[in-house]
Amino acid sequence: MKLFSSWRTRSSGTLFRPAARSLAAVLGLALLSTLSACHKAAQLPPAAKNAGLMKSASLLIGALSNHTASVVRLYPGLDGLVGVIFKNSSGSMRIVWMTPHGAAIIPGPVITAAGQDLTGLAQQAIDAVSKTLQTKPSGFPGGIGGATGERGQNPAIQPAPAAQGKKMSADDFLLMSRHLKSIALGTGKREVWIYFDPNCIFCNRLWEEMKPYGREITAHWIPVGFLKKDDSLKKATGILQAKDPVRALEENEDRFARETEEGAYPIPASIDVASERAVATSTIGLGQATGELATPTIVFRGTDGKAHSVMGMPEDLRTFLAGVKN
């Protein structure tokens, strides 16, 4: 695939850092809703019901741990299950699944028909995100939570209910993004981190609009997979594990099928476990930072010196990029 002339590659550092039915199963995500400027996955129930789930989770975790553990956050789960992330007495983050109405906890592994341990894969990703954020002291306990970002062009996304748990600061979201596995394009001194799903049409639109800014901006594209079950996860993993990830990313985006909203990169014959785990970690990290999954999500440090995140397409990309710190 021919490289477009205005972008050149730059290697991206990683600290690691994103199932076999799919990552959607790991995170328990439903099919996407179509937004005007971004894609998102299903959320937990409305705040009133979610508050009840949070109370149930706290009671159950308290009983199981003899009141030595505390619930940090909830996740929408496979077939109505609710993922419960909690902090144990040693300060470590763990995950278990709760039944849909909060009646019981499933303390052991959740296994798919294909024999995959969804609990284990989710735990590996949570561990990786926590380790990344623990590299910097902050008021954020254990590196798990959800920070609300700014909104892009009419994203029609509702903020995550407060009952879901504690929030990740904007600085921690930027710190995490810097250490997740990414594909860097551009040679500019100003940097942005872009979470994208290979099958996200709005990400493809952002890709096209970013092309003229390759000499001004270095964009770190962070692949996540949640929009089309196995397809998104496998494509994201395939792009990341490719011998030349930049060419793989370009193939996916430059030949994107807009009619069917499908990236062009073929699903690989074999999956690299480390790359799959990287995509899983990035996906879970995005959900923890924003309280939901939405692509594209852009993270950057602004000219005001503060960390920011935007979900969806900026209304005016040129003006938006002018606000990125040099």
C-alpha atoms as a PDB file:
ATOM      1  CA  MET A   1       0.000   0.000   0.000  1.00  0.00           C
ATOM      2  CA  LYS A   2       1.414   3.362  -1.002  1.00  0.00           C
ATOM      3  CA  LEU A   3       2.227   5.664   1.871  1.00  0.00           C
ATOM      4  CA  PHE A   4       0.616   9.079   1.641  1.00  0.00           C
ATOM      5  CA  SER A   5       3.347  11.656   1.260  1.00  0.00           C
ATOM      6  CA  SER A   6       2.519  14.053   4.076  1.00  0.00           C
ATOM      7  CA  TRP A   7       3.003  11.463   6.855  1.00  0.00           C
ATOM      8  CA  ARG A   8       6.121   9.645   7.916  1.00  0.00           C
ATOM      9  CA  THR A   9       6.559   7.094  10.641  1.00  0.00           C
ATOM     10  CA  ARG A  10       8.055   7.502  14.055  1.00  0.00           C
ATOM     11  CA  SER A  11       8.399   4.616  16.456  1.00  0.00           C
ATOM     12  CA  SER A  12       6.123   4.688  19.472  1.00  0.00           C
ATOM     13  CA  GLY A  13       7.332   3.795  22.930  1.00  0.00           C
ATOM     14  CA  THR A  14       5.344   1.312  24.948  1.00  0.00           C
ATOM     15  CA  LEU A  15       5.440   0.379  28.607  1.00  0.00           C
ATOM     16  CA  PHE A  16       4.095  -2.967  28.422  1.00  0.00           C
ATOM     17  CA  ARG A  17       0.391  -2.256  27.519  1.00  0.00           C
ATOM     18  CA  PRO A  18      -6.481  -1.386  24.031  1.00  0.00           C
ATOM     19  CA  ALA A  19     -10.942 -13.097  23.627  1.00  0.00           C
ATOM     20  CA  ALA A  20     -11.778 -15.246  21.978  1.00  0.00           C
ATOM     21  CA  ARG A  21     -15.385 -14.826  21.443  1.00  0.00           C
ATOM     22  CA  SER A  22     -14.312 -11.229  21.347  1.00  0.00           C
ATOM     23  CA  LEU A  23     -13.139  -8.341  23.412  1.00  0.00           C
ATOM     24  CA  ALA A  24     -16.750  -7.243  23.269  1.00  0.00           C
ATOM     25  CA  ALA A  25     -17.455 -10.322  25.340  1.00  0.00           C
ATOM     26  CA  VAL A  26     -14.679  -9.491  27.784  1.00  0.00           C
ATOM     27  CA  LEU A  27     -16.067  -6.041  28.341  1.00  0.00           C
ATOM     28  CA  GLY A  28     -19.619  -7.210  27.869  1.00  0.00           C
ATOM     29  CA  LEU A  29     -20.398  -4.657  25.196  1.00  0.00           C
ATOM     30  CA  ALA A  30     -23.503  -4.619  23.034  1.00  0.00           C
ATOM     31  CA  LEU A  31     -23.632  -3.641  19.398  1.00  0.00           C
ATOM     32  CA  LEU A  32     -22.834  -0.046  18.596  1.00  0.00           C
ATOM     33  CA  SER A  33     -25.190   2.873  18.317  1.00  0.00           C
ATOM     34  CA  THR A  34     -24.663   5.245  15.414  1.00  0.00           C
ATOM     35  CA  LEU A  35     -23.811   8.783  16.475  1.00  0.00           C
ATOM     36  CA  SER A  36     -23.399  11.909  14.412  1.00  0.00           C
ATOM     37  CA  ALA A  37     -19.658  12.136  15.011  1.00  0.00           C
ATOM     38  CA  CYS A  38     -18.539   9.042  16.903  1.00  0.00           C
ATOM     39  CA  HIS A  39     -19.383   5.453  17.713  1.00  0.00           C
ATOM     40  CA  LYS A  40     -20.092   4.206  21.195  1.00  0.00           C
ATOM     41  CA  ALA A  41     -20.873   0.955  22.959  1.00  0.00           C
ATOM     42  CA  ALA A  42     -23.657   0.131  25.388  1.00  0.00           C
ATOM     43  CA  GLN A  43     -23.528   1.629  28.856  1.00  0.00           C
ATOM     44  CA  LEU A  44     -24.710   0.420  32.225  1.00  0.00           C
ATOM     45  CA  PRO A  45     -28.369   1.072  33.154  1.00  0.00           C
ATOM     46  CA  PRO A  46     -29.552   4.615  33.970  1.00  0.00           C
ATOM     47  CA  ALA A  47     -28.141   6.236  37.081  1.00  0.00           C
ATOM     48  CA  ALA A  48     -31.047   5.311  39.373  1.00  0.00           C
ATOM     49  CA  LYS A  49     -30.845   1.592  38.598  1.00  0.00           C
ATOM     50  CA  ASN A  50     -27.062   1.712  38.436  1.00  0.00           C
ATOM     51  CA  ALA A  51     -26.937   3.163  41.936  1.00  0.00           C
ATOM     52  CA  GLY A  52     -28.801   0.064  43.090  1.00  0.00           C
ATOM     53  CA  LEU A  53     -26.309  -2.182  41.318  1.00  0.00           C
ATOM     54  CA  MET A  54     -23.440  -0.313  42.951  1.00  0.00           C
ATOM     55  CA  LYS A  55     -25.028  -0.803  46.367  1.00  0.00           C
ATOM     56  CA  SER A  56     -25.553  -4.509  45.680  1.00  0.00           C
ATOM     57  CA  ALA A  57     -21.971  -4.910  44.496  1.00  0.00           C
ATOM     58  CA  SER A  58     -20.649  -3.157  47.591  1.00  0.00           C
ATOM     59  CA  LEU A  59     -22.693  -5.402  49.886  1.00  0.00           C
ATOM     60  CA  LEU A  60     -21.647  -8.584  48.070  1.00  0.00           C
ATOM     61  CA  ILE A  61     -17.958  -7.686  47.859  1.00  0.00           C
ATOM     62  CA  GLY A  62     -18.019  -6.619  51.490  1.00  0.00           C
ATOM     63  CA  ALA A  63     -19.514  -9.947  52.525  1.00  0.00           C
ATOM     64  CA  LEU A  64     -17.107 -12.006  50.425  1.00  0.00           C
ATOM     65  CA  SER A  65     -14.051 -10.117  51.660  1.00  0.00           C
ATOM     66  CA  ASN A  66     -15.098  -9.751  55.279  1.00  0.00           C
ATOM     67  CA  HIS A  67     -15.332  -6.009  54.571  1.00  0.00           C
ATOM     68  CA  THR A  68     -11.672  -5.662  53.589  1.00  0.00           C
ATOM     69  CA  ALA A  69     -12.331  -4.807  49.908  1.00  0.00           C
ATOM     70  CA  SER A  70     -14.143  -1.883  48.262  1.00  0.00           C
ATOM     71  CA  VAL A  71     -15.849  -1.549  44.880  1.00  0.00           C
ATOM     72  CA  VAL A  72     -14.171   0.880  42.486  1.00  0.00           C
ATOM     73  CA  ARG A  73     -16.203   0.579  39.320  1.00  0.00           C
ATOM     74  CA  LEU A  74     -18.867  -1.374  37.396  1.00  0.00           C
ATOM     75  CA  TYR A  75     -18.834  -2.544  33.771  1.00  0.00           C
ATOM     76  CA  PRO A  76     -21.652  -3.695  31.470  1.00  0.00           C
ATOM     77  CA  GLY A  77     -21.121  -7.423  30.991  1.00  0.00           C
ATOM     78  CA  LEU A  78     -21.789 -10.340  28.667  1.00  0.00           C
ATOM     79  CA  ASP A  79     -25.459 -11.457  28.524  1.00  0.00           C
ATOM     80  CA  GLY A  80     -26.446  -8.970  31.223  1.00  0.00           C
ATOM     81  CA  LEU A  81     -23.638  -9.758  33.641  1.00  0.00           C
ATOM     82  CA  VAL A  82     -22.083  -6.800  35.444  1.00  0.00           C
ATOM     83  CA  GLY A  83     -18.317  -6.606  35.816  1.00  0.00           C
ATOM     84  CA  VAL A  84     -17.242  -5.457  39.286  1.00  0.00           C
ATOM     85  CA  ILE A  85     -13.754  -4.007  39.727  1.00  0.00           C
ATOM     86  CA  PHE A  86     -12.749  -3.844  43.379  1.00  0.00           C
ATOM     87  CA  LYS A  87      -9.685  -3.020  45.453  1.00  0.00           C
ATOM     88  CA  ASN A  88      -8.624  -5.672  47.953  1.00  0.00           C
ATOM     89  CA  SER A  89      -6.870  -5.193  51.291  1.00  0.00           C
ATOM     90  CA  SER A  90      -3.439  -5.167  49.641  1.00  0.00           C
ATOM     91  CA  GLY A  91      -4.473  -2.376  47.265  1.00  0.00           C
ATOM     92  CA  SER A  92      -4.623  -4.598  44.172  1.00  0.00           C
ATOM     93  CA  MET A  93      -7.429  -4.246  41.630  1.00  0.00           C
ATOM     94  CA  ARG A  94      -9.466  -7.394  40.912  1.00  0.00           C
ATOM     95  CA  ILE A  95     -12.522  -8.187  38.778  1.00  0.00           C
ATOM     96  CA  VAL A  96     -15.477 -10.517  39.313  1.00  0.00           C
ATOM     97  CA  TRP A  97     -18.886 -10.764  37.632  1.00  0.00           C
ATOM     98  CA  MET A  98     -22.251 -10.046  39.232  1.00  0.00           C
ATOM     99  CA  THR A  99     -25.645 -11.352  38.089  1.00  0.00           C
ATOM    100  CA  PRO A 100     -27.801  -8.842  36.136  1.00  0.00           C
ATOM    101  CA  HIS A 101     -29.941  -7.690  39.063  1.00  0.00           C
ATOM    102  CA  GLY A 102     -27.210  -7.719  41.685  1.00  0.00           C
ATOM    103  CA  ALA A 103     -28.358 -10.860  43.477  1.00  0.00           C
ATOM    104  CA  ALA A 104     -25.079 -12.784  43.440  1.00  0.00           C
ATOM    105  CA  ILE A 105     -21.363 -12.642  42.632  1.00  0.00           C
ATOM    106  CA  ILE A 106     -19.582 -15.184  40.413  1.00  0.00           C
ATOM    107  CA  PRO A 107     -16.194 -15.410  42.165  1.00  0.00           C
ATOM    108  CA  GLY A 108     -14.533 -17.782  39.705  1.00  0.00           C
ATOM    109  CA  PRO A 109     -13.729 -17.611  35.990  1.00  0.00           C
ATOM    110  CA  VAL A 110     -16.406 -16.918  33.373  1.00  0.00           C
ATOM    111  CA  ILE A 111     -15.712 -19.328  30.509  1.00  0.00           C
ATOM    112  CA  THR A 112     -17.071 -19.075  26.953  1.00  0.00           C
ATOM    113  CA  ALA A 113     -18.159 -22.021  24.816  1.00  0.00           C
ATOM    114  CA  ALA A 114     -14.779 -21.730  23.091  1.00  0.00           C
ATOM    115  CA  GLY A 115     -13.053 -22.282  26.437  1.00  0.00           C
ATOM    116  CA  GLN A 116     -11.766 -18.756  26.984  1.00  0.00           C
ATOM    117  CA  ASP A 117     -11.504 -17.298  30.468  1.00  0.00           C
ATOM    118  CA  LEU A 118     -13.051 -13.832  30.099  1.00  0.00           C
ATOM    119  CA  THR A 119     -12.332 -13.002  33.733  1.00  0.00           C
ATOM    120  CA  GLY A 120      -8.640 -13.797  33.311  1.00  0.00           C
ATOM    121  CA  LEU A 121      -8.241 -11.724  30.152  1.00  0.00           C
ATOM    122  CA  ALA A 122     -10.020  -8.747  31.713  1.00  0.00           C
ATOM    123  CA  GLN A 123      -7.838  -9.071  34.826  1.00  0.00           C
ATOM    124  CA  GLN A 124      -4.651  -8.987  32.729  1.00  0.00           C
ATOM    125  CA  ALA A 125      -5.787  -5.794  31.055  1.00  0.00           C
ATOM    126  CA  ILE A 126      -6.759  -4.145  34.353  1.00  0.00           C
ATOM    127  CA  ASP A 127      -3.364  -5.054  35.812  1.00  0.00           C
ATOM    128  CA  ALA A 128      -1.585  -3.461  32.857  1.00  0.00           C
ATOM    129  CA  VAL A 129      -3.564  -0.215  33.096  1.00  0.00           C
ATOM    130  CA  SER A 130      -3.041  -0.031  36.859  1.00  0.00           C
ATOM    131  CA  LYS A 131       0.727  -0.524  36.532  1.00  0.00           C
ATOM    132  CA  THR A 132       0.912   2.233  33.928  1.00  0.00           C
ATOM    133  CA  LEU A 133      -0.858   4.757  36.143  1.00  0.00           C
ATOM    134  CA  GLN A 134       1.031   3.760  39.269  1.00  0.00           C
ATOM    135  CA  THR A 135       4.192   5.200  37.671  1.00  0.00           C
ATOM    136  CA  LYS A 136       2.990   8.663  38.691  1.00  0.00           C
ATOM    137  CA  PRO A 137       1.632   9.718  42.096  1.00  0.00           C
ATOM    138  CA  SER A 138      -1.825  11.246  41.918  1.00  0.00           C
ATOM    139  CA  GLY A 139      -5.054  11.520  43.812  1.00  0.00           C
ATOM    140  CA  PHE A 140      -6.375   8.639  41.729  1.00  0.00           C
ATOM    141  CA  PRO A 141      -6.568   5.405  43.729  1.00  0.00           C
ATOM    142  CA  GLY A 142      -5.044   2.434  41.983  1.00  0.00           C
ATOM    143  CA  GLY A 143      -5.371   3.703  38.442  1.00  0.00           C
ATOM    144  CA  ILE A 144      -8.966   2.619  37.810  1.00  0.00           C
ATOM    145  CA  GLY A 145     -11.876   4.938  37.108  1.00  0.00           C
ATOM    146  CA  GLY A 146     -13.472   7.112  34.455  1.00  0.00           C
ATOM    147  CA  ALA A 147     -12.816  10.715  33.513  1.00  0.00           C
ATOM    148  CA  THR A 148     -15.349  12.646  31.532  1.00  0.00           C
ATOM    149  CA  GLY A 149     -13.901  14.320  28.461  1.00  0.00           C
ATOM    150  CA  GLU A 150     -14.981  17.202  26.300  1.00  0.00           C
ATOM    151  CA  ARG A 151     -17.442  16.550  23.501  1.00  0.00           C
ATOM    152  CA  GLY A 152     -16.625  16.679  19.823  1.00  0.00           C
ATOM    153  CA  GLN A 153     -19.012  17.506  17.002  1.00  0.00           C
ATOM    154  CA  ASN A 154     -22.499  16.512  18.212  1.00  0.00           C
ATOM    155  CA  PRO A 155     -21.345  13.190  19.665  1.00  0.00           C
ATOM    156  CA  ALA A 156     -24.690  12.601  21.430  1.00  0.00           C
ATOM    157  CA  ILE A 157     -22.957  10.728  24.232  1.00  0.00           C
ATOM    158  CA  GLN A 158     -24.289  10.852  27.760  1.00  0.00           C
ATOM    159  CA  PRO A 159     -21.784  11.084  30.645  1.00  0.00           C
ATOM    160  CA  ALA A 160     -21.276   7.888  32.589  1.00  0.00           C
ATOM    161  CA  PRO A 161     -23.442   7.725  35.743  1.00  0.00           C
ATOM    162  CA  ALA A 162     -21.612   8.849  38.859  1.00  0.00           C
ATOM    163  CA  ALA A 163     -22.509   5.595  40.562  1.00  0.00           C
ATOM    164  CA  GLN A 164     -20.161   3.724  38.245  1.00  0.00           C
ATOM    165  CA  GLY A 165     -17.217   4.671  40.413  1.00  0.00           C
ATOM    166  CA  LYS A 166     -14.324   7.049  40.848  1.00  0.00           C
ATOM    167  CA  LYS A 167     -12.968   9.140  38.033  1.00  0.00           C
ATOM    168  CA  MET A 168      -9.623   9.178  36.288  1.00  0.00           C
ATOM    169  CA  SER A 169      -8.079  12.614  36.086  1.00  0.00           C
ATOM    170  CA  ALA A 170      -7.329  14.150  32.682  1.00  0.00           C
ATOM    171  CA  ASP A 171      -3.612  14.034  33.523  1.00  0.00           C
ATOM    172  CA  ASP A 172      -3.823  10.314  34.288  1.00  0.00           C
ATOM    173  CA  PHE A 173      -5.738   9.694  31.059  1.00  0.00           C
ATOM    174  CA  LEU A 174      -2.948  11.406  29.114  1.00  0.00           C
ATOM    175  CA  LEU A 175      -0.278   9.531  31.072  1.00  0.00           C
ATOM    176  CA  MET A 176      -1.960   6.210  30.349  1.00  0.00           C
ATOM    177  CA  SER A 177      -2.373   7.049  26.660  1.00  0.00           C
ATOM    178  CA  ARG A 178       1.336   7.822  26.326  1.00  0.00           C
ATOM    179  CA  HIS A 179       2.189   4.312  27.519  1.00  0.00           C
ATOM    180  CA  LEU A 180      -0.366   2.266  25.606  1.00  0.00           C
ATOM    181  CA  LYS A 181       0.628   0.464  22.431  1.00  0.00           C
ATOM    182  CA  SER A 182       0.207   2.847  19.503  1.00  0.00           C
ATOM    183  CA  ILE A 183       1.144   3.503  15.873  1.00  0.00           C
ATOM    184  CA  ALA A 184       2.746   6.902  15.342  1.00  0.00           C
ATOM    185  CA  LEU A 185       2.415   8.912  12.141  1.00  0.00           C
ATOM    186  CA  GLY A 186       3.602  12.418  11.385  1.00  0.00           C
ATOM    187  CA  THR A 187       6.702  14.392  12.211  1.00  0.00           C
ATOM    188  CA  GLY A 188       5.316  17.408  14.063  1.00  0.00           C
ATOM    189  CA  LYS A 189       6.340  18.444  17.559  1.00  0.00           C
ATOM    190  CA  ARG A 190       2.726  18.682  18.693  1.00  0.00           C
ATOM    191  CA  GLU A 191       1.296  15.309  19.707  1.00  0.00           C
ATOM    192  CA  VAL A 192      -2.164  13.776  20.010  1.00  0.00           C
ATOM    193  CA  TRP A 193      -3.264  10.272  21.011  1.00  0.00           C
ATOM    194  CA  ILE A 194      -6.238   8.906  19.067  1.00  0.00           C
ATOM    195  CA  TYR A 195      -8.238   5.849  20.155  1.00  0.00           C
ATOM    196  CA  PHE A 196      -9.765   4.217  17.071  1.00  0.00           C
ATOM    197  CA  ASP A 197     -11.683   1.081  16.140  1.00  0.00           C
ATOM    198  CA  PRO A 198     -10.766  -0.382  12.715  1.00  0.00           C
ATOM    199  CA  ASN A 199     -14.471  -0.446  11.777  1.00  0.00           C
ATOM    200  CA  CYS A 200     -15.310   3.077  12.968  1.00  0.00           C
ATOM    201  CA  ILE A 201     -16.409   5.305  10.097  1.00  0.00           C
ATOM    202  CA  PHE A 202     -15.876   8.462  12.153  1.00  0.00           C
ATOM    203  CA  CYS A 203     -12.305   7.386  12.890  1.00  0.00           C
ATOM    204  CA  ASN A 204     -11.858   6.953   9.148  1.00  0.00           C
ATOM    205  CA  ARG A 205     -13.176  10.450   8.585  1.00  0.00           C
ATOM    206  CA  LEU A 206     -10.723  11.805  11.147  1.00  0.00           C
ATOM    207  CA  TRP A 207      -7.933   9.829   9.443  1.00  0.00           C
ATOM    208  CA  GLU A 208      -8.687  11.525   6.130  1.00  0.00           C
ATOM    209  CA  GLU A 209      -8.941  14.991   7.643  1.00  0.00           C
ATOM    210  CA  MET A 210      -5.673  14.553   9.556  1.00  0.00           C
ATOM    211  CA  LYS A 211      -3.606  13.846   6.419  1.00  0.00           C
ATOM    212  CA  PRO A 212      -2.671  17.471   5.624  1.00  0.00           C
ATOM    213  CA  TYR A 213      -1.261  17.983   9.131  1.00  0.00           C
ATOM    214  CA  GLY A 214       1.476  15.334   9.078  1.00  0.00           C
ATOM    215  CA  ARG A 215       4.278  17.883   9.304  1.00  0.00           C
ATOM    216  CA  GLU A 216       2.615  19.766  12.141  1.00  0.00           C
ATOM    217  CA  ILE A 217       1.264  16.930  14.278  1.00  0.00           C
ATOM    218  CA  THR A 218       2.478  13.519  15.400  1.00  0.00           C
ATOM    219  CA  ALA A 219      -0.616  11.378  15.878  1.00  0.00           C
ATOM    220  CA  HIS A 220      -0.356   8.224  17.986  1.00  0.00           C
ATOM    221  CA  TRP A 221      -3.158   5.922  16.812  1.00  0.00           C
ATOM    222  CA  ILE A 222      -4.206   3.527  19.591  1.00  0.00           C
ATOM    223  CA  PRO A 223      -6.192   0.547  18.265  1.00  0.00           C
ATOM    224  CA  VAL A 224      -9.160  -0.678  20.273  1.00  0.00           C
ATOM    225  CA  GLY A 225     -11.748  -3.301  19.342  1.00  0.00           C
ATOM    226  CA  PHE A 226     -15.404  -3.280  20.329  1.00  0.00           C
ATOM    227  CA  LEU A 227     -17.703  -2.224  17.486  1.00  0.00           C
ATOM    228  CA  LYS A 228     -18.110  -5.481  15.557  1.00  0.00           C
ATOM    229  CA  LYS A 229     -17.353  -8.231  18.040  1.00  0.00           C
ATOM    230  CA  ASP A 230     -14.605 -10.552  16.806  1.00  0.00           C
ATOM    231  CA  ASP A 231     -14.023  -8.576  13.624  1.00  0.00           C
ATOM    232  CA  SER A 232     -12.943  -5.342  15.340  1.00  0.00           C
ATOM    233  CA  LEU A 233     -10.736  -7.080  17.890  1.00  0.00           C
ATOM    234  CA  LYS A 234      -9.019  -9.276  15.319  1.00  0.00           C
ATOM    235  CA  LYS A 235      -8.481  -6.413  12.872  1.00  0.00           C
ATOM    236  CA  ALA A 236      -7.069  -4.183  15.611  1.00  0.00           C
ATOM    237  CA  THR A 237      -4.780  -7.002  16.735  1.00  0.00           C
ATOM    238  CA  GLY A 238      -3.760  -7.746  13.152  1.00  0.00           C
ATOM    239  CA  ILE A 239      -2.811  -4.127  12.501  1.00  0.00           C
ATOM    240  CA  LEU A 240      -0.762  -3.978  15.685  1.00  0.00           C
ATOM    241  CA  GLN A 241       1.034  -7.285  15.104  1.00  0.00           C
ATOM    242  CA  ALA A 242       1.799  -6.590  11.439  1.00  0.00           C
ATOM    243  CA  LYS A 243       5.422  -6.469  10.323  1.00  0.00           C
ATOM    244  CA  ASP A 244       4.762  -2.870   9.264  1.00  0.00           C
ATOM    245  CA  PRO A 245       1.903  -1.525  11.437  1.00  0.00           C
ATOM    246  CA  VAL A 246       1.875   1.814   9.609  1.00  0.00           C
ATOM    247  CA  ARG A 247       1.234   0.174   6.254  1.00  0.00           C
ATOM    248  CA  ALA A 248      -1.376  -2.056   7.872  1.00  0.00           C
ATOM    249  CA  LEU A 249      -3.134   0.956   9.367  1.00  0.00           C
ATOM    250  CA  GLU A 250      -3.033   2.764   6.026  1.00  0.00           C
ATOM    251  CA  GLU A 251      -4.467  -0.235   4.227  1.00  0.00           C
ATOM    252  CA  ASN A 252      -7.318  -0.394   6.718  1.00  0.00           C
ATOM    253  CA  GLU A 253      -8.174   3.301   6.479  1.00  0.00           C
ATOM    254  CA  ASP A 254      -7.372   4.194   2.855  1.00  0.00           C
ATOM    255  CA  ARG A 255      -9.499   1.308   1.574  1.00  0.00           C
ATOM    256  CA  PHE A 256     -12.207   1.639   4.225  1.00  0.00           C
ATOM    257  CA  ALA A 257     -15.640   0.464   2.981  1.00  0.00           C
ATOM    258  CA  ARG A 258     -17.947   3.278   4.022  1.00  0.00           C
ATOM    259  CA  GLU A 259     -21.102   1.598   2.734  1.00  0.00           C
ATOM    260  CA  THR A 260     -20.692  -1.299   5.148  1.00  0.00           C
ATOM    261  CA  GLU A 261     -18.554   0.589   7.700  1.00  0.00           C
ATOM    262  CA  GLU A 262     -15.744  -1.935   7.595  1.00  0.00           C
ATOM    263  CA  GLY A 263     -12.008  -1.464   7.719  1.00  0.00           C
ATOM    264  CA  ALA A 264     -10.087  -3.055   4.857  1.00  0.00           C
ATOM    265  CA  TYR A 265      -7.316  -4.807   6.762  1.00  0.00           C
ATOM    266  CA  PRO A 266      -7.816  -8.581   6.581  1.00  0.00           C
ATOM    267  CA  ILE A 267      -8.251 -10.647   9.714  1.00  0.00           C
ATOM    268  CA  PRO A 268      -4.919 -12.428  10.358  1.00  0.00           C
ATOM    269  CA  ALA A 269      -4.669 -16.203  10.136  1.00  0.00           C
ATOM    270  CA  SER A 270      -3.089 -16.335  13.591  1.00  0.00           C
ATOM    271  CA  ILE A 271      -3.339 -13.983  16.546  1.00  0.00           C
ATOM    272  CA  ASP A 272      -0.329 -12.767  18.514  1.00  0.00           C
ATOM    273  CA  VAL A 273      -1.265 -13.033  22.188  1.00  0.00           C
ATOM    274  CA  ALA A 274       0.792  -9.999  23.267  1.00  0.00           C
ATOM    275  CA  SER A 275      -0.815  -7.818  20.582  1.00  0.00           C
ATOM    276  CA  GLU A 276      -4.297  -9.051  21.477  1.00  0.00           C
ATOM    277  CA  ARG A 277      -3.618  -8.249  25.124  1.00  0.00           C
ATOM    278  CA  ALA A 278      -2.409  -4.782  24.119  1.00  0.00           C
ATOM    279  CA  VAL A 279      -5.669  -4.092  22.280  1.00  0.00           C
ATOM    280  CA  ALA A 280      -7.665  -5.430  25.236  1.00  0.00           C
ATOM    281  CA  THR A 281      -5.760  -3.207  27.643  1.00  0.00           C
ATOM    282  CA  SER A 282      -6.254  -0.126  25.474  1.00  0.00           C
ATOM    283  CA  THR A 283      -9.974  -0.825  25.154  1.00  0.00           C
ATOM    284  CA  ILE A 284     -10.462  -1.358  28.870  1.00  0.00           C
ATOM    285  CA  GLY A 285      -8.284   1.674  29.618  1.00  0.00           C
ATOM    286  CA  LEU A 286     -10.445   3.839  27.355  1.00  0.00           C
ATOM    287  CA  GLY A 287     -13.568   2.626  29.103  1.00  0.00           C
ATOM    288  CA  GLN A 288     -12.069   3.293  32.522  1.00  0.00           C
ATOM    289  CA  ALA A 289     -10.985   6.793  31.545  1.00  0.00           C
ATOM    290  CA  THR A 290     -14.204   7.978  29.915  1.00  0.00           C
ATOM    291  CA  GLY A 291     -16.864   5.819  31.545  1.00  0.00           C
ATOM    292  CA  GLU A 292     -17.899   4.431  28.151  1.00  0.00           C
ATOM    293  CA  LEU A 293     -16.396   3.329  24.858  1.00  0.00           C
ATOM    294  CA  ALA A 294     -16.533   5.894  22.064  1.00  0.00           C
ATOM    295  CA  THR A 295     -14.340   6.355  19.010  1.00  0.00           C
ATOM    296  CA  PRO A 296     -12.601   8.424  18.003  1.00  0.00           C
ATOM    297  CA  THR A 297     -11.391   9.752  21.332  1.00  0.00           C
ATOM    298  CA  ILE A 298      -8.518  12.243  21.182  1.00  0.00           C
ATOM    299  CA  VAL A 299      -6.224  12.941  24.140  1.00  0.00           C
ATOM    300  CA  PHE A 300      -3.693  15.784  24.219  1.00  0.00           C
ATOM    301  CA  ARG A 301      -2.092  18.554  26.234  1.00  0.00           C
ATOM    302  CA  GLY A 302      -3.454  21.946  25.271  1.00  0.00           C
ATOM    303  CA  THR A 303      -1.767  25.290  24.848  1.00  0.00           C
ATOM    304  CA  ASP A 304      -3.209  26.115  28.288  1.00  0.00           C
ATOM    305  CA  GLY A 305      -0.863  23.476  29.712  1.00  0.00           C
ATOM    306  CA  LYS A 306      -3.727  21.219  30.785  1.00  0.00           C
ATOM    307  CA  ALA A 307      -4.539  17.676  29.657  1.00  0.00           C
ATOM    308  CA  HIS A 308      -7.742  17.292  27.637  1.00  0.00           C
ATOM    309  CA  SER A 309      -9.767  14.583  25.916  1.00  0.00           C
ATOM    310  CA  VAL A 310     -12.425  14.889  23.228  1.00  0.00           C
ATOM    311  CA  MET A 311     -14.862  12.169  22.165  1.00  0.00           C
ATOM    312  CA  GLY A 312     -15.966  12.463  18.555  1.00  0.00           C
ATOM    313  CA  MET A 313     -14.880  14.591  15.609  1.00  0.00           C
ATOM    314  CA  PRO A 314     -13.828  18.162  16.421  1.00  0.00           C
ATOM    315  CA  GLU A 315     -16.106  20.637  14.643  1.00  0.00           C
ATOM    316  CA  ASP A 316     -13.146  22.543  13.201  1.00  0.00           C
ATOM    317  CA  LEU A 317     -10.060  20.344  13.038  1.00  0.00           C
ATOM    318  CA  ARG A 318      -7.646  23.150  12.161  1.00  0.00           C
ATOM    319  CA  THR A 319      -8.752  25.239  15.125  1.00  0.00           C
ATOM    320  CA  PHE A 320      -8.707  22.183  17.345  1.00  0.00           C
ATOM    321  CA  LEU A 321      -5.143  21.240  16.394  1.00  0.00           C
ATOM    322  CA  ALA A 322      -4.022  24.835  16.895  1.00  0.00           C
ATOM    323  CA  GLY A 323      -4.964  24.317  20.549  1.00  0.00           C
ATOM    324  CA  VAL A 324      -2.520  21.418  20.968  1.00  0.00           C
ATOM    325  CA  LYS A 325       0.611  22.317  22.899  1.00  0.00           C
ATOM    326  CA  ASN A 326       3.802  22.540  20.851  1.00  0.00           C
END
